[in-house]
Amino acid sequence: MSTSRVYSRGSHSYLGNDSSKEVHRLSSEDTSASGCQINELLGAAHGVAFSPDTLAQAHTDGYDNCAKCIGGSSR
């Protein structure tokens, strides 16, 4: 895998939730109460970054699209 643990948004385009194996596009984050909850996943130490920072790499590493910020989830 090409992931590394992260604890902040940094300059990443994509951020994975290691607990749910879901990838989020930070530029399209759903900030509603039932949205992506990026701050919560970072606070719980579930955030991972991909190298390279691409959706294709996230898929290669086994992460599914977030239905809220990317769409096309296979779950």
PDB file of N, CA and C in Angstrom:
ATOM      1  N   MET A   1       0.826  -1.187   0.000  1.00  0.00           N
ATOM      2  CA  MET A   1       0.000   0.000   0.000  1.00  0.00           C
ATOM      3  C   MET A   1       0.864   1.243   0.000  1.00  0.00           C
ATOM      4  N   SER A   2       0.278   2.309  -0.506  1.00  0.00           N
ATOM      5  CA  SER A   2       0.989   3.580  -0.578  1.00  0.00           C
ATOM      6  C   SER A   2       0.300   4.633   0.278  1.00  0.00           C
ATOM      7  N   THR A   3       0.021   4.277   1.523  1.00  0.00           N
ATOM      8  CA  THR A   3      -0.644   5.210   2.423  1.00  0.00           C
ATOM      9  C   THR A   3       0.260   5.557   3.590  1.00  0.00           C
ATOM     10  N   SER A   4      -0.020   6.714   4.186  1.00  0.00           N
ATOM     11  CA  SER A   4       0.667   7.110   5.406  1.00  0.00           C
ATOM     12  C   SER A   4      -0.337   7.801   6.318  1.00  0.00           C
ATOM     13  N   ARG A   5      -0.200   7.584   7.602  1.00  0.00           N
ATOM     14  CA  ARG A   5      -1.107   8.168   8.588  1.00  0.00           C
ATOM     15  C   ARG A   5      -0.948   9.685   8.595  1.00  0.00           C
ATOM     16  N   VAL A   6      -2.067  10.422   8.665  1.00  0.00           N
ATOM     17  CA  VAL A   6      -2.034  11.881   8.754  1.00  0.00           C
ATOM     18  C   VAL A   6      -2.976  12.331   9.869  1.00  0.00           C
ATOM     19  N   TYR A   7      -2.667  13.492  10.437  1.00  0.00           N
ATOM     20  CA  TYR A   7      -3.451  14.029  11.545  1.00  0.00           C
ATOM     21  C   TYR A   7      -3.979  15.423  11.249  1.00  0.00           C
ATOM     22  N   SER A   8      -3.749  15.904  10.012  1.00  0.00           N
ATOM     23  CA  SER A   8      -4.266  17.204   9.592  1.00  0.00           C
ATOM     24  C   SER A   8      -4.538  17.162   8.093  1.00  0.00           C
ATOM     25  N   ARG A   9      -5.262  18.144   7.623  1.00  0.00           N
ATOM     26  CA  ARG A   9      -5.606  18.207   6.209  1.00  0.00           C
ATOM     27  C   ARG A   9      -4.386  18.440   5.326  1.00  0.00           C
ATOM     28  N   GLY A  10      -3.441  19.208   5.832  1.00  0.00           N
ATOM     29  CA  GLY A  10      -2.233  19.506   5.059  1.00  0.00           C
ATOM     30  C   GLY A  10      -2.575  20.007   3.672  1.00  0.00           C
ATOM     31  N   SER A  11      -1.797  19.622   2.700  1.00  0.00           N
ATOM     32  CA  SER A  11      -2.020  20.065   1.317  1.00  0.00           C
ATOM     33  C   SER A  11      -2.545  18.916   0.456  1.00  0.00           C
ATOM     34  N   HIS A  12      -3.197  17.956   1.081  1.00  0.00           N
ATOM     35  CA  HIS A  12      -3.695  16.777   0.380  1.00  0.00           C
ATOM     36  C   HIS A  12      -4.953  17.094  -0.426  1.00  0.00           C
ATOM     37  N   SER A  13      -5.094  16.444  -1.552  1.00  0.00           N
ATOM     38  CA  SER A  13      -6.328  16.522  -2.338  1.00  0.00           C
ATOM     39  C   SER A  13      -7.303  15.442  -1.897  1.00  0.00           C
ATOM     40  N   TYR A  14      -6.767  14.270  -1.545  1.00  0.00           N
ATOM     41  CA  TYR A  14      -7.579  13.127  -1.143  1.00  0.00           C
ATOM     42  C   TYR A  14      -7.159  12.667   0.236  1.00  0.00           C
ATOM     43  N   LEU A  15      -8.141  12.233   1.021  1.00  0.00           N
ATOM     44  CA  LEU A  15      -7.868  11.760   2.363  1.00  0.00           C
ATOM     45  C   LEU A  15      -8.692  10.505   2.592  1.00  0.00           C
ATOM     46  N   GLY A  16      -8.046   9.468   3.081  1.00  0.00           N
ATOM     47  CA  GLY A  16      -8.734   8.211   3.339  1.00  0.00           C
ATOM     48  C   GLY A  16      -9.116   8.065   4.790  1.00  0.00           C
ATOM     49  N   ASN A  17     -10.188   7.331   5.022  1.00  0.00           N
ATOM     50  CA  ASN A  17     -10.601   6.944   6.365  1.00  0.00           C
ATOM     51  C   ASN A  17     -10.207   5.477   6.519  1.00  0.00           C
ATOM     52  N   ASP A  18      -9.167   5.232   7.287  1.00  0.00           N
ATOM     53  CA  ASP A  18      -8.638   3.881   7.435  1.00  0.00           C
ATOM     54  C   ASP A  18      -9.632   2.945   8.116  1.00  0.00           C
ATOM     55  N   SER A  19     -10.547   3.482   8.886  1.00  0.00           N
ATOM     56  CA  SER A  19     -11.538   2.672   9.580  1.00  0.00           C
ATOM     57  C   SER A  19     -12.604   2.132   8.626  1.00  0.00           C
ATOM     58  N   SER A  20     -13.086   2.984   7.719  1.00  0.00           N
ATOM     59  CA  SER A  20     -14.167   2.588   6.801  1.00  0.00           C
ATOM     60  C   SER A  20     -13.673   2.266   5.394  1.00  0.00           C
ATOM     61  N   LYS A  21     -12.375   2.468   5.143  1.00  0.00           N
ATOM     62  CA  LYS A  21     -11.781   2.257   3.811  1.00  0.00           C
ATOM     63  C   LYS A  21     -12.504   3.102   2.758  1.00  0.00           C
ATOM     64  N   GLU A  22     -12.746   4.370   3.115  1.00  0.00           N
ATOM     65  CA  GLU A  22     -13.427   5.313   2.241  1.00  0.00           C
ATOM     66  C   GLU A  22     -12.480   6.469   1.938  1.00  0.00           C
ATOM     67  N   VAL A  23     -12.512   6.963   0.696  1.00  0.00           N
ATOM     68  CA  VAL A  23     -11.670   8.080   0.300  1.00  0.00           C
ATOM     69  C   VAL A  23     -12.540   9.312   0.082  1.00  0.00           C
ATOM     70  N   HIS A  24     -12.019  10.464   0.519  1.00  0.00           N
ATOM     71  CA  HIS A  24     -12.717  11.744   0.395  1.00  0.00           C
ATOM     72  C   HIS A  24     -11.915  12.702  -0.481  1.00  0.00           C
ATOM     73  N   ARG A  25     -12.603  13.512  -1.273  1.00  0.00           N
ATOM     74  CA  ARG A  25     -11.976  14.600  -2.035  1.00  0.00           C
ATOM     75  C   ARG A  25     -12.176  15.865  -1.204  1.00  0.00           C
ATOM     76  N   LEU A  26     -11.099  16.396  -0.652  1.00  0.00           N
ATOM     77  CA  LEU A  26     -11.206  17.513   0.280  1.00  0.00           C
ATOM     78  C   LEU A  26     -11.793  18.767  -0.354  1.00  0.00           C
ATOM     79  N   SER A  27     -11.582  18.981  -1.642  1.00  0.00           N
ATOM     80  CA  SER A  27     -12.124  20.185  -2.288  1.00  0.00           C
ATOM     81  C   SER A  27     -13.639  20.114  -2.469  1.00  0.00           C
ATOM     82  N   SER A  28     -14.226  18.931  -2.282  1.00  0.00           N
ATOM     83  CA  SER A  28     -15.673  18.747  -2.442  1.00  0.00           C
ATOM     84  C   SER A  28     -16.328  18.275  -1.150  1.00  0.00           C
ATOM     85  N   GLU A  29     -15.658  18.438  -0.045  1.00  0.00           N
ATOM     86  CA  GLU A  29     -16.136  17.919   1.238  1.00  0.00           C
ATOM     87  C   GLU A  29     -17.555  18.396   1.555  1.00  0.00           C
ATOM     88  N   ASP A  30     -18.399  17.468   1.968  1.00  0.00           N
ATOM     89  CA  ASP A  30     -19.745  17.779   2.447  1.00  0.00           C
ATOM     90  C   ASP A  30     -19.616  18.104   3.928  1.00  0.00           C
ATOM     91  N   THR A  31     -19.826  19.362   4.293  1.00  0.00           N
ATOM     92  CA  THR A  31     -19.635  19.795   5.675  1.00  0.00           C
ATOM     93  C   THR A  31     -20.934  19.789   6.487  1.00  0.00           C
ATOM     94  N   SER A  32     -22.008  19.245   5.937  1.00  0.00           N
ATOM     95  CA  SER A  32     -23.263  19.162   6.685  1.00  0.00           C
ATOM     96  C   SER A  32     -23.102  18.182   7.849  1.00  0.00           C
ATOM     97  N   ALA A  33     -24.064  18.178   8.756  1.00  0.00           N
ATOM     98  CA  ALA A  33     -24.003  17.305   9.934  1.00  0.00           C
ATOM     99  C   ALA A  33     -23.913  15.829   9.550  1.00  0.00           C
ATOM    100  N   SER A  34     -24.494  15.457   8.432  1.00  0.00           N
ATOM    101  CA  SER A  34     -24.437  14.053   7.998  1.00  0.00           C
ATOM    102  C   SER A  34     -23.419  13.854   6.875  1.00  0.00           C
ATOM    103  N   GLY A  35     -22.509  14.815   6.743  1.00  0.00           N
ATOM    104  CA  GLY A  35     -21.535  14.791   5.653  1.00  0.00           C
ATOM    105  C   GLY A  35     -20.298  13.976   5.941  1.00  0.00           C
ATOM    106  N   CYS A  36     -19.191  14.407   5.394  1.00  0.00           N
ATOM    107  CA  CYS A  36     -17.938  13.654   5.404  1.00  0.00           C
ATOM    108  C   CYS A  36     -17.284  13.530   6.781  1.00  0.00           C
ATOM    109  N   GLN A  37     -17.422  14.523   7.625  1.00  0.00           N
ATOM    110  CA  GLN A  37     -16.875  14.524   8.985  1.00  0.00           C
ATOM    111  C   GLN A  37     -15.365  14.296   9.016  1.00  0.00           C
ATOM    112  N   ILE A  38     -14.663  15.041   8.178  1.00  0.00           N
ATOM    113  CA  ILE A  38     -13.204  14.930   8.077  1.00  0.00           C
ATOM    114  C   ILE A  38     -12.523  15.246   9.404  1.00  0.00           C
ATOM    115  N   ASN A  39     -12.957  16.306  10.087  1.00  0.00           N
ATOM    116  CA  ASN A  39     -12.321  16.663  11.355  1.00  0.00           C
ATOM    117  C   ASN A  39     -12.422  15.532  12.368  1.00  0.00           C
ATOM    118  N   GLU A  40     -13.556  14.832  12.393  1.00  0.00           N
ATOM    119  CA  GLU A  40     -13.747  13.737  13.323  1.00  0.00           C
ATOM    120  C   GLU A  40     -12.836  12.557  12.991  1.00  0.00           C
ATOM    121  N   LEU A  41     -12.705  12.234  11.713  1.00  0.00           N
ATOM    122  CA  LEU A  41     -11.844  11.100  11.355  1.00  0.00           C
ATOM    123  C   LEU A  41     -10.384  11.419  11.635  1.00  0.00           C
ATOM    124  N   LEU A  42      -9.982  12.673  11.444  1.00  0.00           N
ATOM    125  CA  LEU A  42      -8.610  13.054  11.787  1.00  0.00           C
ATOM    126  C   LEU A  42      -8.399  12.988  13.295  1.00  0.00           C
ATOM    127  N   GLY A  43      -9.378  13.474  14.060  1.00  0.00           N
ATOM    128  CA  GLY A  43      -9.282  13.453  15.513  1.00  0.00           C
ATOM    129  C   GLY A  43      -9.223  12.046  16.087  1.00  0.00           C
ATOM    130  N   ALA A  44      -9.836  11.094  15.383  1.00  0.00           N
ATOM    131  CA  ALA A  44      -9.830   9.701  15.824  1.00  0.00           C
ATOM    132  C   ALA A  44      -8.630   8.935  15.280  1.00  0.00           C
ATOM    133  N   ALA A  45      -7.719   9.640  14.617  1.00  0.00           N
ATOM    134  CA  ALA A  45      -6.489   9.047  14.055  1.00  0.00           C
ATOM    135  C   ALA A  45      -6.791   7.996  12.990  1.00  0.00           C
ATOM    136  N   HIS A  46      -7.836   8.239  12.181  1.00  0.00           N
ATOM    137  CA  HIS A  46      -8.189   7.336  11.088  1.00  0.00           C
ATOM    138  C   HIS A  46      -7.799   7.891   9.723  1.00  0.00           C
ATOM    139  N   GLY A  47      -7.155   9.055   9.669  1.00  0.00           N
ATOM    140  CA  GLY A  47      -6.813   9.680   8.395  1.00  0.00           C
ATOM    141  C   GLY A  47      -5.561   9.104   7.767  1.00  0.00           C
ATOM    142  N   VAL A  48      -5.639   8.843   6.461  1.00  0.00           N
ATOM    143  CA  VAL A  48      -4.462   8.410   5.708  1.00  0.00           C
ATOM    144  C   VAL A  48      -4.366   9.221   4.425  1.00  0.00           C
ATOM    145  N   ALA A  49      -3.136   9.460   3.996  1.00  0.00           N
ATOM    146  CA  ALA A  49      -2.857  10.132   2.733  1.00  0.00           C
ATOM    147  C   ALA A  49      -2.317   9.089   1.759  1.00  0.00           C
ATOM    148  N   PHE A  50      -2.450   9.380   0.495  1.00  0.00           N
ATOM    149  CA  PHE A  50      -2.023   8.462  -0.559  1.00  0.00           C
ATOM    150  C   PHE A  50      -0.821   9.033  -1.292  1.00  0.00           C
ATOM    151  N   SER A  51       0.046   8.141  -1.751  1.00  0.00           N
ATOM    152  CA  SER A  51       1.216   8.572  -2.515  1.00  0.00           C
ATOM    153  C   SER A  51       1.307   7.720  -3.775  1.00  0.00           C
ATOM    154  N   PRO A  52       1.045   8.341  -4.927  1.00  0.00           N
ATOM    155  CA  PRO A  52       0.739   9.755  -5.140  1.00  0.00           C
ATOM    156  C   PRO A  52      -0.674  10.103  -4.658  1.00  0.00           C
ATOM    157  N   ASP A  53      -0.920  11.392  -4.469  1.00  0.00           N
ATOM    158  CA  ASP A  53      -2.167  11.930  -3.945  1.00  0.00           C
ATOM    159  C   ASP A  53      -3.224  11.962  -5.054  1.00  0.00           C
ATOM    160  N   THR A  54      -3.692  10.764  -5.446  1.00  0.00           N
ATOM    161  CA  THR A  54      -4.666  10.656  -6.540  1.00  0.00           C
ATOM    162  C   THR A  54      -5.788   9.699  -6.152  1.00  0.00           C
ATOM    163  N   LEU A  55      -6.931   9.880  -6.798  1.00  0.00           N
ATOM    164  CA  LEU A  55      -8.056   8.981  -6.586  1.00  0.00           C
ATOM    165  C   LEU A  55      -7.703   7.581  -7.075  1.00  0.00           C
ATOM    166  N   ALA A  56      -6.987   7.494  -8.165  1.00  0.00           N
ATOM    167  CA  ALA A  56      -6.579   6.191  -8.691  1.00  0.00           C
ATOM    168  C   ALA A  56      -5.739   5.426  -7.675  1.00  0.00           C
ATOM    169  N   GLN A  57      -4.824   6.107  -6.977  1.00  0.00           N
ATOM    170  CA  GLN A  57      -4.007   5.438  -5.963  1.00  0.00           C
ATOM    171  C   GLN A  57      -4.860   4.982  -4.794  1.00  0.00           C
ATOM    172  N   ALA A  58      -5.836   5.797  -4.400  1.00  0.00           N
ATOM    173  CA  ALA A  58      -6.737   5.404  -3.318  1.00  0.00           C
ATOM    174  C   ALA A  58      -7.483   4.121  -3.692  1.00  0.00           C
ATOM    175  N   HIS A  59      -7.950   4.044  -4.927  1.00  0.00           N
ATOM    176  CA  HIS A  59      -8.642   2.835  -5.385  1.00  0.00           C
ATOM    177  C   HIS A  59      -7.690   1.641  -5.392  1.00  0.00           C
ATOM    178  N   THR A  60      -6.474   1.853  -5.856  1.00  0.00           N
ATOM    179  CA  THR A  60      -5.465   0.781  -5.859  1.00  0.00           C
ATOM    180  C   THR A  60      -5.215   0.273  -4.449  1.00  0.00           C
ATOM    181  N   ASP A  61      -5.250   1.170  -3.475  1.00  0.00           N
ATOM    182  CA  ASP A  61      -5.020   0.806  -2.075  1.00  0.00           C
ATOM    183  C   ASP A  61      -6.268   0.242  -1.392  1.00  0.00           C
ATOM    184  N   GLY A  62      -7.359   0.064  -2.153  1.00  0.00           N
ATOM    185  CA  GLY A  62      -8.539  -0.593  -1.619  1.00  0.00           C
ATOM    186  C   GLY A  62      -9.591   0.308  -1.017  1.00  0.00           C
ATOM    187  N   TYR A  63      -9.530   1.608  -1.288  1.00  0.00           N
ATOM    188  CA  TYR A  63     -10.499   2.552  -0.729  1.00  0.00           C
ATOM    189  C   TYR A  63     -11.626   2.813  -1.723  1.00  0.00           C
ATOM    190  N   ASP A  64     -12.848   2.907  -1.204  1.00  0.00           N
ATOM    191  CA  ASP A  64     -14.043   3.172  -1.997  1.00  0.00           C
ATOM    192  C   ASP A  64     -14.369   4.667  -1.925  1.00  0.00           C
ATOM    193  N   ASN A  65     -15.033   5.183  -2.955  1.00  0.00           N
ATOM    194  CA  ASN A  65     -15.420   6.590  -2.984  1.00  0.00           C
ATOM    195  C   ASN A  65     -16.410   6.929  -1.877  1.00  0.00           C
ATOM    196  N   CYS A  66     -16.265   8.107  -1.292  1.00  0.00           N
ATOM    197  CA  CYS A  66     -17.273   8.644  -0.384  1.00  0.00           C
ATOM    198  C   CYS A  66     -18.487   9.011  -1.246  1.00  0.00           C
ATOM    199  N   ALA A  67     -19.651   8.547  -0.862  1.00  0.00           N
ATOM    200  CA  ALA A  67     -20.871   8.834  -1.619  1.00  0.00           C
ATOM    201  C   ALA A  67     -21.221  10.316  -1.591  1.00  0.00           C
ATOM    202  N   LYS A  68     -20.774  11.043  -0.579  1.00  0.00           N
ATOM    203  CA  LYS A  68     -21.131  12.462  -0.425  1.00  0.00           C
ATOM    204  C   LYS A  68     -20.245  13.399  -1.248  1.00  0.00           C
ATOM    205  N   CYS A  69     -18.930  13.239  -1.179  1.00  0.00           N
ATOM    206  CA  CYS A  69     -18.039  14.226  -1.816  1.00  0.00           C
ATOM    207  C   CYS A  69     -17.479  13.772  -3.162  1.00  0.00           C
ATOM    208  N   ILE A  70     -17.544  12.477  -3.476  1.00  0.00           N
ATOM    209  CA  ILE A  70     -17.051  11.993  -4.760  1.00  0.00           C
ATOM    210  C   ILE A  70     -18.176  11.347  -5.550  1.00  0.00           C
ATOM    211  N   GLY A  71     -18.967  10.518  -4.903  1.00  0.00           N
ATOM    212  CA  GLY A  71     -20.041   9.797  -5.583  1.00  0.00           C
ATOM    213  C   GLY A  71     -19.519   8.520  -6.212  1.00  0.00           C
ATOM    214  N   GLY A  72     -20.424   7.712  -6.697  1.00  0.00           N
ATOM    215  CA  GLY A  72     -20.022   6.469  -7.356  1.00  0.00           C
ATOM    216  C   GLY A  72     -19.514   5.419  -6.405  1.00  0.00           C
ATOM    217  N   SER A  73     -19.970   5.448  -5.157  1.00  0.00           N
ATOM    218  CA  SER A  73     -19.562   4.445  -4.179  1.00  0.00           C
ATOM    219  C   SER A  73     -20.043   3.074  -4.622  1.00  0.00           C
ATOM    220  N   SER A  74     -19.217   2.057  -4.411  1.00  0.00           N
ATOM    221  CA  SER A  74     -19.611   0.704  -4.785  1.00  0.00           C
ATOM    222  C   SER A  74     -20.257  -0.044  -3.622  1.00  0.00           C
ATOM    223  N   ARG A  75     -20.508   0.635  -2.518  1.00  0.00           N
ATOM    224  CA  ARG A  75     -21.152  -0.014  -1.353  1.00  0.00           C
ATOM    225  C   ARG A  75     -22.638   0.169  -1.375  1.00  0.00           C
TER     226      ARG A  75
END
